[in-house]
């Protein structure tokens, strides 16, 4: 039976999708499918390859999330198993909704086969989610401080506010690093007990989170035309803003949210070019991994069923 909170977030997500699609319709109603197809056809073979490589890098970084969490727990699990579990978790979660904050069931079933307790799996899930949050705070803070004028693309405010927000975000990250260095008291949340990781673990978190976001943004950057391209830092900044809005909206796959944000933040590019780049992003980062993850889940469940059916084997 669905909990009231689950139903509420489902309704919020659906509402966000409807609103975003309505706004998107008004943005692109004069853009034809032929124009979008032409923009897709204009992407060079090299850029398709680079976009695919960036996708591979993003999912390697996501697998690193789980690897870091397993190391924090002091467990030893093969890279191959962790990579498959992470890939399946995020591929399903990115498309179904709630992104890195969902996928708990996949991780639970997978890591239970490796001897992790329910409490350890709970810590692992929270740890991976926090690695993403930490990476977003760190990457966003750096972009806001280094390129303060970028904030004017998504909000009508001065660059000084960008620097201020960036410094606050970097300050929060610094407090986390300080807590690890000075061994602050552990967090307690209900039955969940989480200690500050070792500095080595924190350093890996600060690499893995921004790396995943940087690679994901690179998919869009490589799919955009060179003429009028505002540059990678602009694409990264807009991506961080749009991806954060997509997460907050709980819209499955950020449907409509990414498109509306990018179209509004990149007026110098043809709308068909922006939409084509986002189609490439959705295909590489969302849909293709989702299709592959279904086969991984079916294979995993089939192997478990076979072992139960033939215990002697």
C-alpha atoms as a PDB file:
ATOM      1  CA  UNK A   1       0.000   0.000   0.000  1.00  0.00           C
ATOM      2  CA  UNK A   2       1.416   3.403  -1.002  1.00  0.00           C
ATOM      3  CA  UNK A   3       2.278   5.730   1.873  1.00  0.00           C
ATOM      4  CA  UNK A   4       0.751   9.201   1.956  1.00  0.00           C
ATOM      5  CA  UNK A   5       4.209  10.772   1.582  1.00  0.00           C
ATOM      6  CA  UNK A   6       4.924   8.632  -1.503  1.00  0.00           C
ATOM      7  CA  UNK A   7       1.573   9.617  -3.017  1.00  0.00           C
ATOM      8  CA  UNK A   8       2.255  13.281  -2.245  1.00  0.00           C
ATOM      9  CA  UNK A   9       5.654  13.277  -3.976  1.00  0.00           C
ATOM     10  CA  UNK A  10       4.175  11.388  -6.925  1.00  0.00           C
ATOM     11  CA  UNK A  11       1.535  14.093  -7.299  1.00  0.00           C
ATOM     12  CA  UNK A  12       4.179  16.809  -6.934  1.00  0.00           C
ATOM     13  CA  UNK A  13       6.252  15.146  -9.658  1.00  0.00           C
ATOM     14  CA  UNK A  14       3.278  14.825 -11.987  1.00  0.00           C
ATOM     15  CA  UNK A  15       2.334  18.450 -11.360  1.00  0.00           C
ATOM     16  CA  UNK A  16       5.886  19.564 -12.132  1.00  0.00           C
ATOM     17  CA  UNK A  17       5.875  17.581 -15.382  1.00  0.00           C
ATOM     18  CA  UNK A  18       2.532  19.077 -16.482  1.00  0.00           C
ATOM     19  CA  UNK A  19       3.630  22.641 -15.666  1.00  0.00           C
ATOM     20  CA  UNK A  20       7.033  22.194 -17.310  1.00  0.00           C
ATOM     21  CA  UNK A  21       5.526  20.658 -20.441  1.00  0.00           C
ATOM     22  CA  UNK A  22       3.032  23.530 -20.655  1.00  0.00           C
ATOM     23  CA  UNK A  23       5.867  26.096 -20.426  1.00  0.00           C
ATOM     24  CA  UNK A  24       7.954  24.062 -22.856  1.00  0.00           C
ATOM     25  CA  UNK A  25       5.115  23.990 -25.387  1.00  0.00           C
ATOM     26  CA  UNK A  26       4.947  27.787 -25.364  1.00  0.00           C
ATOM     27  CA  UNK A  27       8.724  27.964 -25.850  1.00  0.00           C
ATOM     28  CA  UNK A  28       8.950  25.545 -28.787  1.00  0.00           C
ATOM     29  CA  UNK A  29       5.557  25.755 -30.464  1.00  0.00           C
ATOM     30  CA  UNK A  30       7.171  27.483 -33.452  1.00  0.00           C
ATOM     31  CA  UNK A  31      10.011  24.953 -33.698  1.00  0.00           C
ATOM     32  CA  UNK A  32       9.406  22.104 -36.149  1.00  0.00           C
ATOM     33  CA  UNK A  33      10.500  18.494 -35.875  1.00  0.00           C
ATOM     34  CA  UNK A  34      12.446  18.956 -39.114  1.00  0.00           C
ATOM     35  CA  UNK A  35      14.539  21.678 -37.466  1.00  0.00           C
ATOM     36  CA  UNK A  36      15.318  19.431 -34.513  1.00  0.00           C
ATOM     37  CA  UNK A  37      16.175  16.539 -36.849  1.00  0.00           C
ATOM     38  CA  UNK A  38      18.461  18.858 -38.799  1.00  0.00           C
ATOM     39  CA  UNK A  39      20.211  19.901 -35.572  1.00  0.00           C
ATOM     40  CA  UNK A  40      20.699  16.263 -34.612  1.00  0.00           C
ATOM     41  CA  UNK A  41      22.101  15.518 -38.062  1.00  0.00           C
ATOM     42  CA  UNK A  42      24.557  18.391 -37.741  1.00  0.00           C
ATOM     43  CA  UNK A  43      26.285  16.795 -34.738  1.00  0.00           C
ATOM     44  CA  UNK A  44      29.607  15.406 -35.953  1.00  0.00           C
ATOM     45  CA  UNK A  45      30.654  11.783 -35.488  1.00  0.00           C
ATOM     46  CA  UNK A  46      33.427  12.942 -33.160  1.00  0.00           C
ATOM     47  CA  UNK A  47      30.982  14.806 -30.940  1.00  0.00           C
ATOM     48  CA  UNK A  48      28.682  11.775 -30.796  1.00  0.00           C
ATOM     49  CA  UNK A  49      31.699   9.766 -29.650  1.00  0.00           C
ATOM     50  CA  UNK A  50      32.693  12.404 -27.092  1.00  0.00           C
ATOM     51  CA  UNK A  51      29.129  12.530 -25.744  1.00  0.00           C
ATOM     52  CA  UNK A  52      29.156   8.737 -25.392  1.00  0.00           C
ATOM     53  CA  UNK A  53      32.523   8.883 -23.620  1.00  0.00           C
ATOM     54  CA  UNK A  54      31.174  11.523 -21.227  1.00  0.00           C
ATOM     55  CA  UNK A  55      28.226   9.246 -20.457  1.00  0.00           C
ATOM     56  CA  UNK A  56      30.608   6.408 -19.670  1.00  0.00           C
ATOM     57  CA  UNK A  57      32.564   8.730 -17.373  1.00  0.00           C
ATOM     58  CA  UNK A  58      29.398   9.822 -15.567  1.00  0.00           C
ATOM     59  CA  UNK A  59      28.325   6.258 -14.795  1.00  0.00           C
ATOM     60  CA  UNK A  60      31.868   5.318 -13.729  1.00  0.00           C
ATOM     61  CA  UNK A  61      31.706   8.209 -11.246  1.00  0.00           C
ATOM     62  CA  UNK A  62      28.311   6.978 -10.004  1.00  0.00           C
ATOM     63  CA  UNK A  63      29.817   3.529  -9.463  1.00  0.00           C
ATOM     64  CA  UNK A  64      32.557   5.259  -7.512  1.00  0.00           C
ATOM     65  CA  UNK A  65      29.841   6.594  -5.152  1.00  0.00           C
ATOM     66  CA  UNK A  66      29.007   3.037  -4.129  1.00  0.00           C
ATOM     67  CA  UNK A  67      32.648   2.021  -3.991  1.00  0.00           C
ATOM     68  CA  UNK A  68      33.434   4.872  -1.593  1.00  0.00           C
ATOM     69  CA  UNK A  69      30.420   3.960   0.569  1.00  0.00           C
ATOM     70  CA  UNK A  70      31.517   0.312   0.725  1.00  0.00           C
ATOM     71  CA  UNK A  71      35.023   1.443   1.728  1.00  0.00           C
ATOM     72  CA  UNK A  72      33.481   3.655   4.433  1.00  0.00           C
ATOM     73  CA  UNK A  73      31.708   0.577   5.798  1.00  0.00           C
ATOM     74  CA  UNK A  74      34.972  -1.352   5.779  1.00  0.00           C
ATOM     75  CA  UNK A  75      33.631  -4.030   3.420  1.00  0.00           C
ATOM     76  CA  UNK A  76      35.239  -5.649   0.400  1.00  0.00           C
ATOM     77  CA  UNK A  77      33.031  -6.220  -2.640  1.00  0.00           C
ATOM     78  CA  UNK A  78      34.218  -6.656  -6.210  1.00  0.00           C
ATOM     79  CA  UNK A  79      34.307  -3.623  -8.495  1.00  0.00           C
ATOM     80  CA  UNK A  80      32.303  -5.561 -11.080  1.00  0.00           C
ATOM     81  CA  UNK A  81      29.403  -6.225  -8.698  1.00  0.00           C
ATOM     82  CA  UNK A  82      29.400  -2.645  -7.385  1.00  0.00           C
ATOM     83  CA  UNK A  83      29.442  -1.233 -10.912  1.00  0.00           C
ATOM     84  CA  UNK A  84      26.486  -3.348 -12.056  1.00  0.00           C
ATOM     85  CA  UNK A  85      24.504  -2.550  -8.912  1.00  0.00           C
ATOM     86  CA  UNK A  86      25.223   1.173  -9.147  1.00  0.00           C
ATOM     87  CA  UNK A  87      24.493   1.327 -12.869  1.00  0.00           C
ATOM     88  CA  UNK A  88      21.142  -0.418 -12.431  1.00  0.00           C
ATOM     89  CA  UNK A  89      20.178   1.690  -9.416  1.00  0.00           C
ATOM     90  CA  UNK A  90      20.828   5.044 -11.051  1.00  0.00           C
ATOM     91  CA  UNK A  91      19.544   4.078 -14.491  1.00  0.00           C
ATOM     92  CA  UNK A  92      16.186   3.119 -12.963  1.00  0.00           C
ATOM     93  CA  UNK A  93      16.067   5.970 -10.445  1.00  0.00           C
ATOM     94  CA  UNK A  94      16.922   8.698 -12.969  1.00  0.00           C
ATOM     95  CA  UNK A  95      13.970   7.669 -15.134  1.00  0.00           C
ATOM     96  CA  UNK A  96      11.418   6.681 -12.499  1.00  0.00           C
ATOM     97  CA  UNK A  97      11.968   9.751 -10.352  1.00  0.00           C
ATOM     98  CA  UNK A  98      13.704  11.080  -7.219  1.00  0.00           C
ATOM     99  CA  UNK A  99      17.061  10.313  -8.872  1.00  0.00           C
ATOM    100  CA  UNK A 100      19.827   9.352  -6.444  1.00  0.00           C
ATOM    101  CA  UNK A 101      17.423   9.394  -3.514  1.00  0.00           C
ATOM    102  CA  UNK A 102      15.538   6.381  -4.841  1.00  0.00           C
ATOM    103  CA  UNK A 103      16.665   2.959  -5.971  1.00  0.00           C
ATOM    104  CA  UNK A 104      16.859   1.671  -2.401  1.00  0.00           C
ATOM    105  CA  UNK A 105      15.130  -1.612  -3.272  1.00  0.00           C
ATOM    106  CA  UNK A 106      17.658  -2.471  -5.988  1.00  0.00           C
ATOM    107  CA  UNK A 107      20.585  -1.818  -3.672  1.00  0.00           C
ATOM    108  CA  UNK A 108      18.937  -3.698  -0.811  1.00  0.00           C
ATOM    109  CA  UNK A 109      18.359  -6.883  -2.820  1.00  0.00           C
ATOM    110  CA  UNK A 110      21.816  -6.747  -4.390  1.00  0.00           C
ATOM    111  CA  UNK A 111      23.913  -5.970  -1.315  1.00  0.00           C
ATOM    112  CA  UNK A 112      22.036  -8.436   0.891  1.00  0.00           C
ATOM    113  CA  UNK A 113      23.514 -11.172  -1.302  1.00  0.00           C
ATOM    114  CA  UNK A 114      26.965  -9.891  -0.278  1.00  0.00           C
ATOM    115  CA  UNK A 115      26.237 -10.173   3.428  1.00  0.00           C
ATOM    116  CA  UNK A 116      25.521  -6.536   4.255  1.00  0.00           C
ATOM    117  CA  UNK A 117      22.982  -6.002   7.023  1.00  0.00           C
ATOM    118  CA  UNK A 118      19.878  -3.846   6.490  1.00  0.00           C
ATOM    119  CA  UNK A 119      21.432  -1.136   8.674  1.00  0.00           C
ATOM    120  CA  UNK A 120      24.668  -1.185   6.648  1.00  0.00           C
ATOM    121  CA  UNK A 121      22.700  -0.941   3.406  1.00  0.00           C
ATOM    122  CA  UNK A 122      20.763   1.993   4.872  1.00  0.00           C
ATOM    123  CA  UNK A 123      24.056   3.748   5.665  1.00  0.00           C
ATOM    124  CA  UNK A 124      25.331   2.976   2.160  1.00  0.00           C
ATOM    125  CA  UNK A 125      22.219   4.477   0.531  1.00  0.00           C
ATOM    126  CA  UNK A 126      22.372   7.636   2.667  1.00  0.00           C
ATOM    127  CA  UNK A 127      26.119   7.901   2.069  1.00  0.00           C
ATOM    128  CA  UNK A 128      25.725   7.713  -1.726  1.00  0.00           C
ATOM    129  CA  UNK A 129      22.949  10.305  -1.648  1.00  0.00           C
ATOM    130  CA  UNK A 130      25.098  12.568   0.496  1.00  0.00           C
ATOM    131  CA  UNK A 131      28.065  12.157  -1.865  1.00  0.00           C
ATOM    132  CA  UNK A 132      25.850  13.498  -4.645  1.00  0.00           C
ATOM    133  CA  UNK A 133      24.639  16.405  -2.496  1.00  0.00           C
ATOM    134  CA  UNK A 134      28.196  17.185  -1.433  1.00  0.00           C
ATOM    135  CA  UNK A 135      29.370  17.096  -5.048  1.00  0.00           C
ATOM    136  CA  UNK A 136      26.529  19.404  -6.115  1.00  0.00           C
ATOM    137  CA  UNK A 137      27.306  21.894  -3.341  1.00  0.00           C
ATOM    138  CA  UNK A 138      31.021  21.852  -4.147  1.00  0.00           C
ATOM    139  CA  UNK A 139      30.623  22.121  -7.930  1.00  0.00           C
ATOM    140  CA  UNK A 140      27.905  24.789  -7.660  1.00  0.00           C
ATOM    141  CA  UNK A 141      29.936  26.807  -5.172  1.00  0.00           C
ATOM    142  CA  UNK A 142      32.999  26.749  -7.430  1.00  0.00           C
ATOM    143  CA  UNK A 143      31.010  27.753 -10.522  1.00  0.00           C
ATOM    144  CA  UNK A 144      29.181  30.577  -8.698  1.00  0.00           C
ATOM    145  CA  UNK A 145      32.443  32.022  -7.372  1.00  0.00           C
ATOM    146  CA  UNK A 146      34.569  31.532 -10.509  1.00  0.00           C
ATOM    147  CA  UNK A 147      31.874  32.623 -12.993  1.00  0.00           C
ATOM    148  CA  UNK A 148      29.539  34.926 -10.986  1.00  0.00           C
ATOM    149  CA  UNK A 149      27.949  36.429 -14.115  1.00  0.00           C
ATOM    150  CA  UNK A 150      26.391  33.042 -14.975  1.00  0.00           C
ATOM    151  CA  UNK A 151      23.663  33.519 -12.373  1.00  0.00           C
ATOM    152  CA  UNK A 152      22.090  36.234 -14.549  1.00  0.00           C
ATOM    153  CA  UNK A 153      21.139  33.502 -17.050  1.00  0.00           C
ATOM    154  CA  UNK A 154      18.748  31.843 -14.590  1.00  0.00           C
ATOM    155  CA  UNK A 155      17.829  34.717 -12.254  1.00  0.00           C
ATOM    156  CA  UNK A 156      17.649  38.508 -12.524  1.00  0.00           C
ATOM    157  CA  UNK A 157      20.156  39.217  -9.745  1.00  0.00           C
ATOM    158  CA  UNK A 158      23.615  40.742  -9.480  1.00  0.00           C
ATOM    159  CA  UNK A 159      26.889  38.788  -9.636  1.00  0.00           C
ATOM    160  CA  UNK A 160      27.601  39.737  -6.002  1.00  0.00           C
ATOM    161  CA  UNK A 161      24.765  37.435  -4.943  1.00  0.00           C
ATOM    162  CA  UNK A 162      26.336  34.632  -6.967  1.00  0.00           C
ATOM    163  CA  UNK A 163      29.622  34.999  -5.104  1.00  0.00           C
ATOM    164  CA  UNK A 164      27.804  35.179  -1.754  1.00  0.00           C
ATOM    165  CA  UNK A 165      25.800  32.006  -2.420  1.00  0.00           C
ATOM    166  CA  UNK A 166      28.898  30.265  -3.745  1.00  0.00           C
ATOM    167  CA  UNK A 167      30.902  31.099  -0.637  1.00  0.00           C
ATOM    168  CA  UNK A 168      28.080  29.825   1.602  1.00  0.00           C
ATOM    169  CA  UNK A 169      27.987  26.532  -0.318  1.00  0.00           C
ATOM    170  CA  UNK A 170      31.761  26.150  -0.128  1.00  0.00           C
ATOM    171  CA  UNK A 171      31.556  27.005   3.567  1.00  0.00           C
ATOM    172  CA  UNK A 172      29.137  24.130   4.145  1.00  0.00           C
ATOM    173  CA  UNK A 173      31.512  21.763   2.345  1.00  0.00           C
ATOM    174  CA  UNK A 174      34.385  23.076   4.469  1.00  0.00           C
ATOM    175  CA  UNK A 175      32.432  22.364   7.658  1.00  0.00           C
ATOM    176  CA  UNK A 176      31.984  18.758   6.531  1.00  0.00           C
ATOM    177  CA  UNK A 177      35.718  18.444   5.852  1.00  0.00           C
ATOM    178  CA  UNK A 178      36.443  20.028   9.246  1.00  0.00           C
ATOM    179  CA  UNK A 179      34.084  17.567  10.936  1.00  0.00           C
ATOM    180  CA  UNK A 180      35.988  14.693   9.390  1.00  0.00           C
ATOM    181  CA  UNK A 181      39.376  16.169  10.265  1.00  0.00           C
ATOM    182  CA  UNK A 182      38.460  17.012  13.880  1.00  0.00           C
ATOM    183  CA  UNK A 183      36.331  13.871  14.330  1.00  0.00           C
ATOM    184  CA  UNK A 184      33.057  15.579  15.277  1.00  0.00           C
ATOM    185  CA  UNK A 185      30.332  13.568  16.974  1.00  0.00           C
ATOM    186  CA  UNK A 186      28.438  11.124  14.693  1.00  0.00           C
ATOM    187  CA  UNK A 187      25.016  11.912  13.256  1.00  0.00           C
ATOM    188  CA  UNK A 188      22.094  10.028  14.731  1.00  0.00           C
ATOM    189  CA  UNK A 189      18.850   9.835  12.765  1.00  0.00           C
ATOM    190  CA  UNK A 190      16.404   7.417  14.357  1.00  0.00           C
ATOM    191  CA  UNK A 191      18.115   4.035  14.302  1.00  0.00           C
ATOM    192  CA  UNK A 192      20.640   5.265  11.771  1.00  0.00           C
ATOM    193  CA  UNK A 193      24.081   6.079  13.178  1.00  0.00           C
ATOM    194  CA  UNK A 194      26.514   7.727  10.768  1.00  0.00           C
ATOM    195  CA  UNK A 195      30.044   8.709  11.687  1.00  0.00           C
ATOM    196  CA  UNK A 196      32.119  11.311   9.872  1.00  0.00           C
ATOM    197  CA  UNK A 197      34.198   9.488   7.259  1.00  0.00           C
ATOM    198  CA  UNK A 198      37.971   9.453   7.262  1.00  0.00           C
ATOM    199  CA  UNK A 199      39.635  12.340   5.414  1.00  0.00           C
ATOM    200  CA  UNK A 200      40.669   9.967   2.627  1.00  0.00           C
ATOM    201  CA  UNK A 201      37.020   8.997   2.098  1.00  0.00           C
ATOM    202  CA  UNK A 202      35.933  12.655   2.138  1.00  0.00           C
ATOM    203  CA  UNK A 203      38.579  13.519  -0.465  1.00  0.00           C
ATOM    204  CA  UNK A 204      37.200  10.807  -2.759  1.00  0.00           C
ATOM    205  CA  UNK A 205      33.661  12.116  -2.242  1.00  0.00           C
ATOM    206  CA  UNK A 206      34.804  15.596  -3.279  1.00  0.00           C
ATOM    207  CA  UNK A 207      36.232  14.115  -6.483  1.00  0.00           C
ATOM    208  CA  UNK A 208      33.470  11.653  -7.398  1.00  0.00           C
ATOM    209  CA  UNK A 209      30.484  14.005  -6.997  1.00  0.00           C
ATOM    210  CA  UNK A 210      31.745  16.868  -9.188  1.00  0.00           C
ATOM    211  CA  UNK A 211      33.198  14.383 -11.699  1.00  0.00           C
ATOM    212  CA  UNK A 212      29.777  12.816 -12.318  1.00  0.00           C
ATOM    213  CA  UNK A 213      28.136  16.207 -12.753  1.00  0.00           C
ATOM    214  CA  UNK A 214      30.940  17.472 -14.998  1.00  0.00           C
ATOM    215  CA  UNK A 215      30.659  14.423 -17.267  1.00  0.00           C
ATOM    216  CA  UNK A 216      26.857  14.651 -17.426  1.00  0.00           C
ATOM    217  CA  UNK A 217      27.054  18.319 -18.418  1.00  0.00           C
ATOM    218  CA  UNK A 218      29.709  17.451 -21.004  1.00  0.00           C
ATOM    219  CA  UNK A 219      27.174  15.276 -22.847  1.00  0.00           C
ATOM    220  CA  UNK A 220      25.091  18.381 -23.548  1.00  0.00           C
ATOM    221  CA  UNK A 221      28.146  20.516 -24.298  1.00  0.00           C
ATOM    222  CA  UNK A 222      29.439  18.118 -26.966  1.00  0.00           C
ATOM    223  CA  UNK A 223      25.983  17.895 -28.570  1.00  0.00           C
ATOM    224  CA  UNK A 224      25.684  21.674 -28.959  1.00  0.00           C
ATOM    225  CA  UNK A 225      26.967  23.349 -32.149  1.00  0.00           C
ATOM    226  CA  UNK A 226      30.336  25.118 -32.005  1.00  0.00           C
ATOM    227  CA  UNK A 227      28.823  28.281 -33.508  1.00  0.00           C
ATOM    228  CA  UNK A 228      27.235  30.299 -30.726  1.00  0.00           C
ATOM    229  CA  UNK A 229      28.269  27.759 -28.087  1.00  0.00           C
ATOM    230  CA  UNK A 230      28.528  29.728 -24.810  1.00  0.00           C
ATOM    231  CA  UNK A 231      31.302  27.458 -23.488  1.00  0.00           C
ATOM    232  CA  UNK A 232      31.568  24.527 -21.131  1.00  0.00           C
ATOM    233  CA  UNK A 233      31.420  26.522 -17.882  1.00  0.00           C
ATOM    234  CA  UNK A 234      28.118  28.076 -18.934  1.00  0.00           C
ATOM    235  CA  UNK A 235      26.694  24.669 -19.860  1.00  0.00           C
ATOM    236  CA  UNK A 236      27.891  23.247 -16.526  1.00  0.00           C
ATOM    237  CA  UNK A 237      26.362  26.132 -14.572  1.00  0.00           C
ATOM    238  CA  UNK A 238      23.005  25.875 -16.330  1.00  0.00           C
ATOM    239  CA  UNK A 239      23.077  22.092 -15.960  1.00  0.00           C
ATOM    240  CA  UNK A 240      23.661  22.339 -12.199  1.00  0.00           C
ATOM    241  CA  UNK A 241      20.742  24.756 -11.870  1.00  0.00           C
ATOM    242  CA  UNK A 242      18.392  22.730 -14.073  1.00  0.00           C
ATOM    243  CA  UNK A 243      19.360  19.392 -12.531  1.00  0.00           C
ATOM    244  CA  UNK A 244      18.793  20.776  -9.026  1.00  0.00           C
ATOM    245  CA  UNK A 245      15.375  22.095 -10.070  1.00  0.00           C
ATOM    246  CA  UNK A 246      14.567  18.710 -11.616  1.00  0.00           C
ATOM    247  CA  UNK A 247      15.430  16.939  -8.365  1.00  0.00           C
ATOM    248  CA  UNK A 248      13.384  19.351  -6.279  1.00  0.00           C
ATOM    249  CA  UNK A 249      10.416  18.965  -8.626  1.00  0.00           C
ATOM    250  CA  UNK A 250      10.536  15.143  -8.357  1.00  0.00           C
ATOM    251  CA  UNK A 251       9.652  15.044 -12.056  1.00  0.00           C
ATOM    252  CA  UNK A 252      10.663  11.658 -13.540  1.00  0.00           C
ATOM    253  CA  UNK A 253      13.872  12.255 -15.473  1.00  0.00           C
ATOM    254  CA  UNK A 254      13.394  15.993 -14.940  1.00  0.00           C
ATOM    255  CA  UNK A 255      10.945  15.829 -17.839  1.00  0.00           C
ATOM    256  CA  UNK A 256      10.319  19.335 -19.137  1.00  0.00           C
ATOM    257  CA  UNK A 257      12.301  20.997 -16.341  1.00  0.00           C
ATOM    258  CA  UNK A 258      15.688  20.582 -18.029  1.00  0.00           C
ATOM    259  CA  UNK A 259      14.331  21.770 -21.367  1.00  0.00           C
ATOM    260  CA  UNK A 260      12.616  24.887 -20.023  1.00  0.00           C
ATOM    261  CA  UNK A 261      15.662  25.895 -17.962  1.00  0.00           C
ATOM    262  CA  UNK A 262      18.160  25.403 -20.799  1.00  0.00           C
ATOM    263  CA  UNK A 263      15.999  27.226 -23.347  1.00  0.00           C
ATOM    264  CA  UNK A 264      15.570  30.178 -21.004  1.00  0.00           C
ATOM    265  CA  UNK A 265      19.259  30.285 -20.026  1.00  0.00           C
ATOM    266  CA  UNK A 266      20.709  30.001 -23.558  1.00  0.00           C
ATOM    267  CA  UNK A 267      18.890  32.551 -25.740  1.00  0.00           C
ATOM    268  CA  UNK A 268      21.925  32.923 -28.041  1.00  0.00           C
ATOM    269  CA  UNK A 269      21.407  29.419 -29.460  1.00  0.00           C
ATOM    270  CA  UNK A 270      18.669  28.214 -31.797  1.00  0.00           C
ATOM    271  CA  UNK A 271      15.968  26.406 -29.852  1.00  0.00           C
ATOM    272  CA  UNK A 272      16.239  23.405 -32.148  1.00  0.00           C
ATOM    273  CA  UNK A 273      19.963  23.088 -31.316  1.00  0.00           C
ATOM    274  CA  UNK A 274      19.299  23.200 -27.577  1.00  0.00           C
ATOM    275  CA  UNK A 275      16.480  20.655 -27.844  1.00  0.00           C
ATOM    276  CA  UNK A 276      18.647  18.372 -29.984  1.00  0.00           C
ATOM    277  CA  UNK A 277      21.436  18.483 -27.393  1.00  0.00           C
ATOM    278  CA  UNK A 278      18.969  17.616 -24.621  1.00  0.00           C
ATOM    279  CA  UNK A 279      17.591  14.736 -26.714  1.00  0.00           C
ATOM    280  CA  UNK A 280      21.148  13.392 -26.966  1.00  0.00           C
ATOM    281  CA  UNK A 281      21.520  13.802 -23.194  1.00  0.00           C
ATOM    282  CA  UNK A 282      18.277  11.975 -22.482  1.00  0.00           C
ATOM    283  CA  UNK A 283      19.156   9.216 -24.905  1.00  0.00           C
ATOM    284  CA  UNK A 284      22.679   8.631 -23.598  1.00  0.00           C
ATOM    285  CA  UNK A 285      22.273   9.427 -19.895  1.00  0.00           C
ATOM    286  CA  UNK A 286      18.700   8.277 -19.276  1.00  0.00           C
ATOM    287  CA  UNK A 287      17.024   6.055 -21.863  1.00  0.00           C
ATOM    288  CA  UNK A 288      19.880   3.797 -23.033  1.00  0.00           C
ATOM    289  CA  UNK A 289      21.053   3.007 -19.467  1.00  0.00           C
ATOM    290  CA  UNK A 290      17.421   2.427 -18.467  1.00  0.00           C
ATOM    291  CA  UNK A 291      16.937  -0.132 -21.257  1.00  0.00           C
ATOM    292  CA  UNK A 292      20.187  -1.911 -20.337  1.00  0.00           C
ATOM    293  CA  UNK A 293      19.363  -1.873 -16.619  1.00  0.00           C
ATOM    294  CA  UNK A 294      16.123  -3.779 -17.255  1.00  0.00           C
ATOM    295  CA  UNK A 295      18.159  -6.664 -18.688  1.00  0.00           C
ATOM    296  CA  UNK A 296      20.551  -6.515 -15.709  1.00  0.00           C
ATOM    297  CA  UNK A 297      17.651  -6.748 -13.245  1.00  0.00           C
ATOM    298  CA  UNK A 298      16.034  -9.606 -15.162  1.00  0.00           C
ATOM    299  CA  UNK A 299      19.361 -11.461 -15.289  1.00  0.00           C
ATOM    300  CA  UNK A 300      19.939 -10.945 -11.565  1.00  0.00           C
ATOM    301  CA  UNK A 301      16.457 -12.159 -10.616  1.00  0.00           C
ATOM    302  CA  UNK A 302      16.727 -15.116 -13.006  1.00  0.00           C
ATOM    303  CA  UNK A 303      20.015 -16.245 -11.455  1.00  0.00           C
ATOM    304  CA  UNK A 304      18.557 -15.955  -7.948  1.00  0.00           C
ATOM    305  CA  UNK A 305      15.495 -17.952  -8.996  1.00  0.00           C
ATOM    306  CA  UNK A 306      17.695 -20.667 -10.499  1.00  0.00           C
ATOM    307  CA  UNK A 307      19.753 -20.953  -7.315  1.00  0.00           C
ATOM    308  CA  UNK A 308      16.589 -21.321  -5.219  1.00  0.00           C
ATOM    309  CA  UNK A 309      15.125 -23.862  -7.635  1.00  0.00           C
ATOM    310  CA  UNK A 310      18.336 -25.919  -7.629  1.00  0.00           C
ATOM    311  CA  UNK A 311      19.956 -25.575  -4.186  1.00  0.00           C
ATOM    312  CA  UNK A 312      22.300 -28.489  -4.861  1.00  0.00           C
ATOM    313  CA  UNK A 313      23.733 -26.649  -7.883  1.00  0.00           C
END
